Amino acid sequence: MDDHHADYGDDVPAWLAGMKQIEHLAPAGADTWLTIVETLSDTAVPLPRTVFNGPNDIRYVPTPDRTGLTLAPGREADPAF
């Protein structure tokens, strides 16, 4: 919503109406997941690995030498990544 605050401002009913117009575009189904890519930044606050750690979630973590990313241990590859 932050990206479109200028469009809707604090008009929650207008925002809800806009969401209602596009809700048919959301994928249907019961499976949900997130693909998390941990930051390589030295100053960013890291997302704890216990957050978004569902059975379908996929997490990429820094390599030991911090020059790239690799799949977190125990996770399967995300075919869309």
PDB file of N, CA and C in Angstrom:
ATOM      1  N   MET A   1       0.823  -1.190   0.000  1.00  0.00           N
ATOM      2  CA  MET A   1       0.000   0.000   0.000  1.00  0.00           C
ATOM      3  C   MET A   1       0.863   1.248   0.000  1.00  0.00           C
ATOM      4  N   ASP A   2       2.062   1.198   0.587  1.00  0.00           N
ATOM      5  CA  ASP A   2       2.910   2.380   0.622  1.00  0.00           C
ATOM      6  C   ASP A   2       3.180   2.926  -0.770  1.00  0.00           C
ATOM      7  N   ASP A   3       3.321   2.040  -1.755  1.00  0.00           N
ATOM      8  CA  ASP A   3       3.601   2.480  -3.125  1.00  0.00           C
ATOM      9  C   ASP A   3       2.455   3.283  -3.715  1.00  0.00           C
ATOM     10  N   HIS A   4       1.258   3.062  -3.209  1.00  0.00           N
ATOM     11  CA  HIS A   4       0.073   3.715  -3.784  1.00  0.00           C
ATOM     12  C   HIS A   4      -0.623   4.631  -2.786  1.00  0.00           C
ATOM     13  N   HIS A   5       0.083   5.039  -1.757  1.00  0.00           N
ATOM     14  CA  HIS A   5      -0.523   5.908  -0.746  1.00  0.00           C
ATOM     15  C   HIS A   5      -1.044   7.193  -1.373  1.00  0.00           C
ATOM     16  N   ALA A   6      -0.327   7.713  -2.369  1.00  0.00           N
ATOM     17  CA  ALA A   6      -0.783   8.935  -3.043  1.00  0.00           C
ATOM     18  C   ALA A   6      -2.108   8.701  -3.758  1.00  0.00           C
ATOM     19  N   ASP A   7      -2.357   7.469  -4.217  1.00  0.00           N
ATOM     20  CA  ASP A   7      -3.609   7.164  -4.907  1.00  0.00           C
ATOM     21  C   ASP A   7      -4.790   7.061  -3.945  1.00  0.00           C
ATOM     22  N   TYR A   8      -4.531   6.499  -2.748  1.00  0.00           N
ATOM     23  CA  TYR A   8      -5.622   6.222  -1.814  1.00  0.00           C
ATOM     24  C   TYR A   8      -5.551   7.029  -0.528  1.00  0.00           C
ATOM     25  N   GLY A   9      -4.370   7.494  -0.146  1.00  0.00           N
ATOM     26  CA  GLY A   9      -4.231   8.236   1.096  1.00  0.00           C
ATOM     27  C   GLY A   9      -4.752   7.421   2.264  1.00  0.00           C
ATOM     28  N   ASP A  10      -5.531   8.040   3.100  1.00  0.00           N
ATOM     29  CA  ASP A  10      -6.093   7.366   4.263  1.00  0.00           C
ATOM     30  C   ASP A  10      -7.514   6.879   4.002  1.00  0.00           C
ATOM     31  N   ASP A  11      -7.926   6.836   2.753  1.00  0.00           N
ATOM     32  CA  ASP A  11      -9.279   6.419   2.385  1.00  0.00           C
ATOM     33  C   ASP A  11      -9.348   4.898   2.318  1.00  0.00           C
ATOM     34  N   VAL A  12      -9.525   4.277   3.464  1.00  0.00           N
ATOM     35  CA  VAL A  12      -9.535   2.813   3.535  1.00  0.00           C
ATOM     36  C   VAL A  12     -10.659   2.208   2.695  1.00  0.00           C
ATOM     37  N   PRO A  13     -11.873   2.767   2.709  1.00  0.00           N
ATOM     38  CA  PRO A  13     -12.921   2.178   1.852  1.00  0.00           C
ATOM     39  C   PRO A  13     -12.530   2.160   0.370  1.00  0.00           C
ATOM     40  N   ALA A  14     -11.860   3.199  -0.095  1.00  0.00           N
ATOM     41  CA  ALA A  14     -11.426   3.211  -1.500  1.00  0.00           C
ATOM     42  C   ALA A  14     -10.365   2.146  -1.740  1.00  0.00           C
ATOM     43  N   TRP A  15      -9.464   1.981  -0.777  1.00  0.00           N
ATOM     44  CA  TRP A  15      -8.432   0.952  -0.903  1.00  0.00           C
ATOM     45  C   TRP A  15      -9.062  -0.431  -0.937  1.00  0.00           C
ATOM     46  N   LEU A  16     -10.019  -0.679  -0.043  1.00  0.00           N
ATOM     47  CA  LEU A  16     -10.702  -1.973  -0.021  1.00  0.00           C
ATOM     48  C   LEU A  16     -11.453  -2.226  -1.327  1.00  0.00           C
ATOM     49  N   ALA A  17     -12.082  -1.198  -1.867  1.00  0.00           N
ATOM     50  CA  ALA A  17     -12.781  -1.349  -3.142  1.00  0.00           C
ATOM     51  C   ALA A  17     -11.795  -1.694  -4.254  1.00  0.00           C
ATOM     52  N   GLY A  18     -10.621  -1.060  -4.231  1.00  0.00           N
ATOM     53  CA  GLY A  18      -9.593  -1.369  -5.226  1.00  0.00           C
ATOM     54  C   GLY A  18      -9.113  -2.809  -5.111  1.00  0.00           C
ATOM     55  N   MET A  19      -8.933  -3.280  -3.886  1.00  0.00           N
ATOM     56  CA  MET A  19      -8.511  -4.674  -3.672  1.00  0.00           C
ATOM     57  C   MET A  19      -9.593  -5.637  -4.154  1.00  0.00           C
ATOM     58  N   LYS A  20     -10.839  -5.293  -3.927  1.00  0.00           N
ATOM     59  CA  LYS A  20     -11.953  -6.142  -4.360  1.00  0.00           C
ATOM     60  C   LYS A  20     -11.955  -6.285  -5.893  1.00  0.00           C
ATOM     61  N   GLN A  21     -11.598  -5.219  -6.583  1.00  0.00           N
ATOM     62  CA  GLN A  21     -11.588  -5.245  -8.045  1.00  0.00           C
ATOM     63  C   GLN A  21     -10.512  -6.170  -8.607  1.00  0.00           C
ATOM     64  N   ILE A  22      -9.433  -6.380  -7.870  1.00  0.00           N
ATOM     65  CA  ILE A  22      -8.336  -7.185  -8.409  1.00  0.00           C
ATOM     66  C   ILE A  22      -8.161  -8.526  -7.706  1.00  0.00           C
ATOM     67  N   GLU A  23      -9.000  -8.836  -6.721  1.00  0.00           N
ATOM     68  CA  GLU A  23      -8.790 -10.067  -5.966  1.00  0.00           C
ATOM     69  C   GLU A  23      -8.888 -11.317  -6.839  1.00  0.00           C
ATOM     70  N   HIS A  24      -9.598 -11.243  -7.944  1.00  0.00           N
ATOM     71  CA  HIS A  24      -9.694 -12.403  -8.839  1.00  0.00           C
ATOM     72  C   HIS A  24      -8.351 -12.736  -9.500  1.00  0.00           C
ATOM     73  N   LEU A  25      -7.406 -11.807  -9.443  1.00  0.00           N
ATOM     74  CA  LEU A  25      -6.085 -12.042 -10.029  1.00  0.00           C
ATOM     75  C   LEU A  25      -5.163 -12.837  -9.110  1.00  0.00           C
ATOM     76  N   ALA A  26      -5.531 -12.944  -7.828  1.00  0.00           N
ATOM     77  CA  ALA A  26      -4.699 -13.678  -6.872  1.00  0.00           C
ATOM     78  C   ALA A  26      -4.797 -15.173  -7.153  1.00  0.00           C
ATOM     79  N   PRO A  27      -3.689 -15.893  -7.042  1.00  0.00           N
ATOM     80  CA  PRO A  27      -3.753 -17.333  -7.276  1.00  0.00           C
ATOM     81  C   PRO A  27      -4.612 -18.020  -6.223  1.00  0.00           C
ATOM     82  N   ALA A  28      -5.323 -19.033  -6.650  1.00  0.00           N
ATOM     83  CA  ALA A  28      -6.174 -19.800  -5.740  1.00  0.00           C
ATOM     84  C   ALA A  28      -5.410 -21.016  -5.239  1.00  0.00           C
ATOM     85  N   GLY A  29      -5.764 -21.477  -4.084  1.00  0.00           N
ATOM     86  CA  GLY A  29      -5.137 -22.676  -3.541  1.00  0.00           C
ATOM     87  C   GLY A  29      -4.767 -22.503  -2.084  1.00  0.00           C
ATOM     88  N   ALA A  30      -4.404 -23.597  -1.473  1.00  0.00           N
ATOM     89  CA  ALA A  30      -4.097 -23.581  -0.051  1.00  0.00           C
ATOM     90  C   ALA A  30      -2.607 -23.521   0.223  1.00  0.00           C
ATOM     91  N   ASP A  31      -1.774 -23.747  -0.774  1.00  0.00           N
ATOM     92  CA  ASP A  31      -0.326 -23.740  -0.562  1.00  0.00           C
ATOM     93  C   ASP A  31       0.205 -22.315  -0.626  1.00  0.00           C
ATOM     94  N   THR A  32       0.885 -21.919   0.401  1.00  0.00           N
ATOM     95  CA  THR A  32       1.537 -20.610   0.409  1.00  0.00           C
ATOM     96  C   THR A  32       2.996 -20.812   0.785  1.00  0.00           C
ATOM     97  N   TRP A  33       3.841 -19.930   0.282  1.00  0.00           N
ATOM     98  CA  TRP A  33       5.258 -20.005   0.595  1.00  0.00           C
ATOM     99  C   TRP A  33       5.905 -18.665   0.299  1.00  0.00           C
ATOM    100  N   LEU A  34       7.054 -18.500   0.845  1.00  0.00           N
ATOM    101  CA  LEU A  34       7.879 -17.328   0.571  1.00  0.00           C
ATOM    102  C   LEU A  34       9.260 -17.792   0.160  1.00  0.00           C
ATOM    103  N   THR A  35       9.870 -17.030  -0.694  1.00  0.00           N
ATOM    104  CA  THR A  35      11.273 -17.231  -1.007  1.00  0.00           C
ATOM    105  C   THR A  35      12.020 -16.085  -0.349  1.00  0.00           C
ATOM    106  N   ILE A  36      12.879 -16.419   0.589  1.00  0.00           N
ATOM    107  CA  ILE A  36      13.624 -15.421   1.350  1.00  0.00           C
ATOM    108  C   ILE A  36      15.060 -15.432   0.863  1.00  0.00           C
ATOM    109  N   VAL A  37      15.584 -14.265   0.592  1.00  0.00           N
ATOM    110  CA  VAL A  37      16.976 -14.116   0.197  1.00  0.00           C
ATOM    111  C   VAL A  37      17.629 -13.253   1.267  1.00  0.00           C
ATOM    112  N   GLU A  38      18.492 -13.871   2.066  1.00  0.00           N
ATOM    113  CA  GLU A  38      19.148 -13.122   3.129  1.00  0.00           C
ATOM    114  C   GLU A  38      20.116 -12.106   2.541  1.00  0.00           C
ATOM    115  N   THR A  39      20.245 -11.013   3.233  1.00  0.00           N
ATOM    116  CA  THR A  39      21.107  -9.937   2.759  1.00  0.00           C
ATOM    117  C   THR A  39      22.581 -10.249   3.001  1.00  0.00           C
ATOM    118  N   LEU A  40      23.409  -9.696   2.164  1.00  0.00           N
ATOM    119  CA  LEU A  40      24.852  -9.764   2.361  1.00  0.00           C
ATOM    120  C   LEU A  40      25.366  -8.481   3.021  1.00  0.00           C
ATOM    121  N   SER A  41      24.451  -7.576   3.333  1.00  0.00           N
ATOM    122  CA  SER A  41      24.814  -6.300   3.937  1.00  0.00           C
ATOM    123  C   SER A  41      25.364  -6.492   5.345  1.00  0.00           C
ATOM    124  N   ASP A  42      26.353  -5.704   5.687  1.00  0.00           N
ATOM    125  CA  ASP A  42      26.907  -5.726   7.036  1.00  0.00           C
ATOM    126  C   ASP A  42      26.126  -4.824   7.981  1.00  0.00           C
ATOM    127  N   THR A  43      25.270  -3.960   7.437  1.00  0.00           N
ATOM    128  CA  THR A  43      24.554  -3.015   8.281  1.00  0.00           C
ATOM    129  C   THR A  43      23.063  -3.314   8.416  1.00  0.00           C
ATOM    130  N   ALA A  44      22.506  -4.139   7.536  1.00  0.00           N
ATOM    131  CA  ALA A  44      21.085  -4.459   7.606  1.00  0.00           C
ATOM    132  C   ALA A  44      20.803  -5.396   8.780  1.00  0.00           C
ATOM    133  N   VAL A  45      19.632  -5.261   9.357  1.00  0.00           N
ATOM    134  CA  VAL A  45      19.226  -6.153  10.446  1.00  0.00           C
ATOM    135  C   VAL A  45      18.747  -7.453   9.815  1.00  0.00           C
ATOM    136  N   PRO A  46      19.365  -8.578  10.165  1.00  0.00           N
ATOM    137  CA  PRO A  46      18.979  -9.843   9.535  1.00  0.00           C
ATOM    138  C   PRO A  46      17.613 -10.333  10.003  1.00  0.00           C
ATOM    139  N   LEU A  47      16.896 -10.984   9.112  1.00  0.00           N
ATOM    140  CA  LEU A  47      15.633 -11.631   9.441  1.00  0.00           C
ATOM    141  C   LEU A  47      15.965 -12.942  10.155  1.00  0.00           C
ATOM    142  N   PRO A  48      15.486 -13.139  11.379  1.00  0.00           N
ATOM    143  CA  PRO A  48      15.796 -14.395  12.069  1.00  0.00           C
ATOM    144  C   PRO A  48      15.347 -15.602  11.255  1.00  0.00           C
ATOM    145  N   ARG A  49      16.101 -16.660  11.313  1.00  0.00           N
ATOM    146  CA  ARG A  49      15.778 -17.847  10.512  1.00  0.00           C
ATOM    147  C   ARG A  49      14.530 -18.559  11.011  1.00  0.00           C
ATOM    148  N   THR A  50      14.024 -18.175  12.171  1.00  0.00           N
ATOM    149  CA  THR A  50      12.779 -18.755  12.670  1.00  0.00           C
ATOM    150  C   THR A  50      11.561 -18.025  12.102  1.00  0.00           C
ATOM    151  N   VAL A  51      11.779 -16.900  11.432  1.00  0.00           N
ATOM    152  CA  VAL A  51      10.692 -16.142  10.811  1.00  0.00           C
ATOM    153  C   VAL A  51      10.542 -16.615   9.369  1.00  0.00           C
ATOM    154  N   PHE A  52       9.318 -16.830   8.943  1.00  0.00           N
ATOM    155  CA  PHE A  52       9.048 -17.368   7.602  1.00  0.00           C
ATOM    156  C   PHE A  52       9.846 -18.651   7.397  1.00  0.00           C
ATOM    157  N   ASN A  53       9.627 -19.589   8.283  1.00  0.00           N
ATOM    158  CA  ASN A  53      10.336 -20.856   8.237  1.00  0.00           C
ATOM    159  C   ASN A  53       9.338 -22.002   8.070  1.00  0.00           C
ATOM    160  N   GLY A  54       8.314 -21.771   7.252  1.00  0.00           N
ATOM    161  CA  GLY A  54       7.289 -22.788   7.034  1.00  0.00           C
ATOM    162  C   GLY A  54       7.804 -23.931   6.186  1.00  0.00           C
ATOM    163  N   PRO A  55       7.035 -24.991   6.120  1.00  0.00           N
ATOM    164  CA  PRO A  55       7.482 -26.178   5.390  1.00  0.00           C
ATOM    165  C   PRO A  55       7.678 -25.939   3.894  1.00  0.00           C
ATOM    166  N   ASN A  56       7.002 -24.950   3.333  1.00  0.00           N
ATOM    167  CA  ASN A  56       7.143 -24.673   1.903  1.00  0.00           C
ATOM    168  C   ASN A  56       8.063 -23.491   1.609  1.00  0.00           C
ATOM    169  N   ASP A  57       8.504 -22.793   2.648  1.00  0.00           N
ATOM    170  CA  ASP A  57       9.348 -21.620   2.439  1.00  0.00           C
ATOM    171  C   ASP A  57      10.740 -22.028   1.975  1.00  0.00           C
ATOM    172  N   ILE A  58      11.324 -21.177   1.169  1.00  0.00           N
ATOM    173  CA  ILE A  58      12.652 -21.415   0.617  1.00  0.00           C
ATOM    174  C   ILE A  58      13.531 -20.260   1.047  1.00  0.00           C
ATOM    175  N   ARG A  59      14.738 -20.562   1.484  1.00  0.00           N
ATOM    176  CA  ARG A  59      15.626 -19.518   1.992  1.00  0.00           C
ATOM    177  C   ARG A  59      17.013 -19.684   1.375  1.00  0.00           C
ATOM    178  N   TYR A  60      17.509 -18.568   0.845  1.00  0.00           N
ATOM    179  CA  TYR A  60      18.870 -18.513   0.348  1.00  0.00           C
ATOM    180  C   TYR A  60      19.707 -17.746   1.362  1.00  0.00           C
ATOM    181  N   VAL A  61      20.878 -18.273   1.672  1.00  0.00           N
ATOM    182  CA  VAL A  61      21.749 -17.701   2.695  1.00  0.00           C
ATOM    183  C   VAL A  61      23.110 -17.387   2.084  1.00  0.00           C
ATOM    184  N   PRO A  62      23.861 -16.492   2.726  1.00  0.00           N
ATOM    185  CA  PRO A  62      25.194 -16.187   2.206  1.00  0.00           C
ATOM    186  C   PRO A  62      26.094 -17.422   2.226  1.00  0.00           C
ATOM    187  N   THR A  63      26.961 -17.508   1.236  1.00  0.00           N
ATOM    188  CA  THR A  63      27.978 -18.564   1.221  1.00  0.00           C
ATOM    189  C   THR A  63      28.973 -18.284   2.344  1.00  0.00           C
ATOM    190  N   PRO A  64      29.739 -19.292   2.777  1.00  0.00           N
ATOM    191  CA  PRO A  64      30.694 -19.073   3.873  1.00  0.00           C
ATOM    192  C   PRO A  64      31.655 -17.902   3.641  1.00  0.00           C
ATOM    193  N   ASP A  65      32.049 -17.680   2.397  1.00  0.00           N
ATOM    194  CA  ASP A  65      32.969 -16.567   2.128  1.00  0.00           C
ATOM    195  C   ASP A  65      32.233 -15.251   1.836  1.00  0.00           C
ATOM    196  N   ARG A  66      30.887 -15.291   1.923  1.00  0.00           N
ATOM    197  CA  ARG A  66      30.014 -14.119   1.743  1.00  0.00           C
ATOM    198  C   ARG A  66      30.181 -13.458   0.375  1.00  0.00           C
ATOM    199  N   THR A  67      30.466 -14.268  -0.643  1.00  0.00           N
ATOM    200  CA  THR A  67      30.570 -13.728  -1.996  1.00  0.00           C
ATOM    201  C   THR A  67      29.361 -14.071  -2.850  1.00  0.00           C
ATOM    202  N   GLY A  68      28.407 -14.786  -2.286  1.00  0.00           N
ATOM    203  CA  GLY A  68      27.218 -15.171  -3.032  1.00  0.00           C
ATOM    204  C   GLY A  68      26.183 -15.784  -2.110  1.00  0.00           C
ATOM    205  N   LEU A  69      25.198 -16.406  -2.715  1.00  0.00           N
ATOM    206  CA  LEU A  69      24.112 -17.028  -1.969  1.00  0.00           C
ATOM    207  C   LEU A  69      24.001 -18.498  -2.316  1.00  0.00           C
ATOM    208  N   THR A  70      23.510 -19.275  -1.375  1.00  0.00           N
ATOM    209  CA  THR A  70      23.288 -20.695  -1.589  1.00  0.00           C
ATOM    210  C   THR A  70      22.003 -21.091  -0.864  1.00  0.00           C
ATOM    211  N   LEU A  71      21.441 -22.172  -1.259  1.00  0.00           N
ATOM    212  CA  LEU A  71      20.232 -22.658  -0.625  1.00  0.00           C
ATOM    213  C   LEU A  71      20.522 -23.027   0.825  1.00  0.00           C
ATOM    214  N   ALA A  72      19.653 -22.611   1.734  1.00  0.00           N
ATOM    215  CA  ALA A  72      19.831 -22.939   3.151  1.00  0.00           C
ATOM    216  C   ALA A  72      19.766 -24.454   3.341  1.00  0.00           C
ATOM    217  N   PRO A  73      20.518 -24.969   4.283  1.00  0.00           N
ATOM    218  CA  PRO A  73      20.482 -26.413   4.539  1.00  0.00           C
ATOM    219  C   PRO A  73      19.067 -26.903   4.830  1.00  0.00           C
ATOM    220  N   GLY A  74      18.727 -28.032   4.249  1.00  0.00           N
ATOM    221  CA  GLY A  74      17.411 -28.626   4.488  1.00  0.00           C
ATOM    222  C   GLY A  74      16.295 -28.075   3.618  1.00  0.00           C
ATOM    223  N   ARG A  75      16.621 -27.219   2.669  1.00  0.00           N
ATOM    224  CA  ARG A  75      15.597 -26.633   1.793  1.00  0.00           C
ATOM    225  C   ARG A  75      15.767 -27.137   0.377  1.00  0.00           C
ATOM    226  N   GLU A  76      14.647 -27.185  -0.327  1.00  0.00           N
ATOM    227  CA  GLU A  76      14.695 -27.571  -1.737  1.00  0.00           C
ATOM    228  C   GLU A  76      14.715 -26.321  -2.595  1.00  0.00           C
ATOM    229  N   ALA A  77      15.234 -26.441  -3.778  1.00  0.00           N
ATOM    230  CA  ALA A  77      15.368 -25.301  -4.673  1.00  0.00           C
ATOM    231  C   ALA A  77      14.008 -24.781  -5.117  1.00  0.00           C
ATOM    232  N   ASP A  78      13.939 -23.498  -5.294  1.00  0.00           N
ATOM    233  CA  ASP A  78      12.759 -22.827  -5.801  1.00  0.00           C
ATOM    234  C   ASP A  78      12.875 -22.805  -7.325  1.00  0.00           C
ATOM    235  N   PRO A  79      11.975 -23.476  -8.025  1.00  0.00           N
ATOM    236  CA  PRO A  79      12.108 -23.532  -9.490  1.00  0.00           C
ATOM    237  C   PRO A  79      11.976 -22.180 -10.174  1.00  0.00           C
ATOM    238  N   ALA A  80      11.384 -21.197  -9.480  1.00  0.00           N
ATOM    239  CA  ALA A  80      11.187 -19.880 -10.106  1.00  0.00           C
ATOM    240  C   ALA A  80      12.360 -18.954  -9.863  1.00  0.00           C
ATOM    241  N   PHE A  81      13.317 -19.339  -9.046  1.00  0.00           N
ATOM    242  CA  PHE A  81      14.411 -18.435  -8.700  1.00  0.00           C
ATOM    243  C   PHE A  81      15.532 -18.523  -9.705  1.00  0.00           C
TER     244      PHE A  81
END
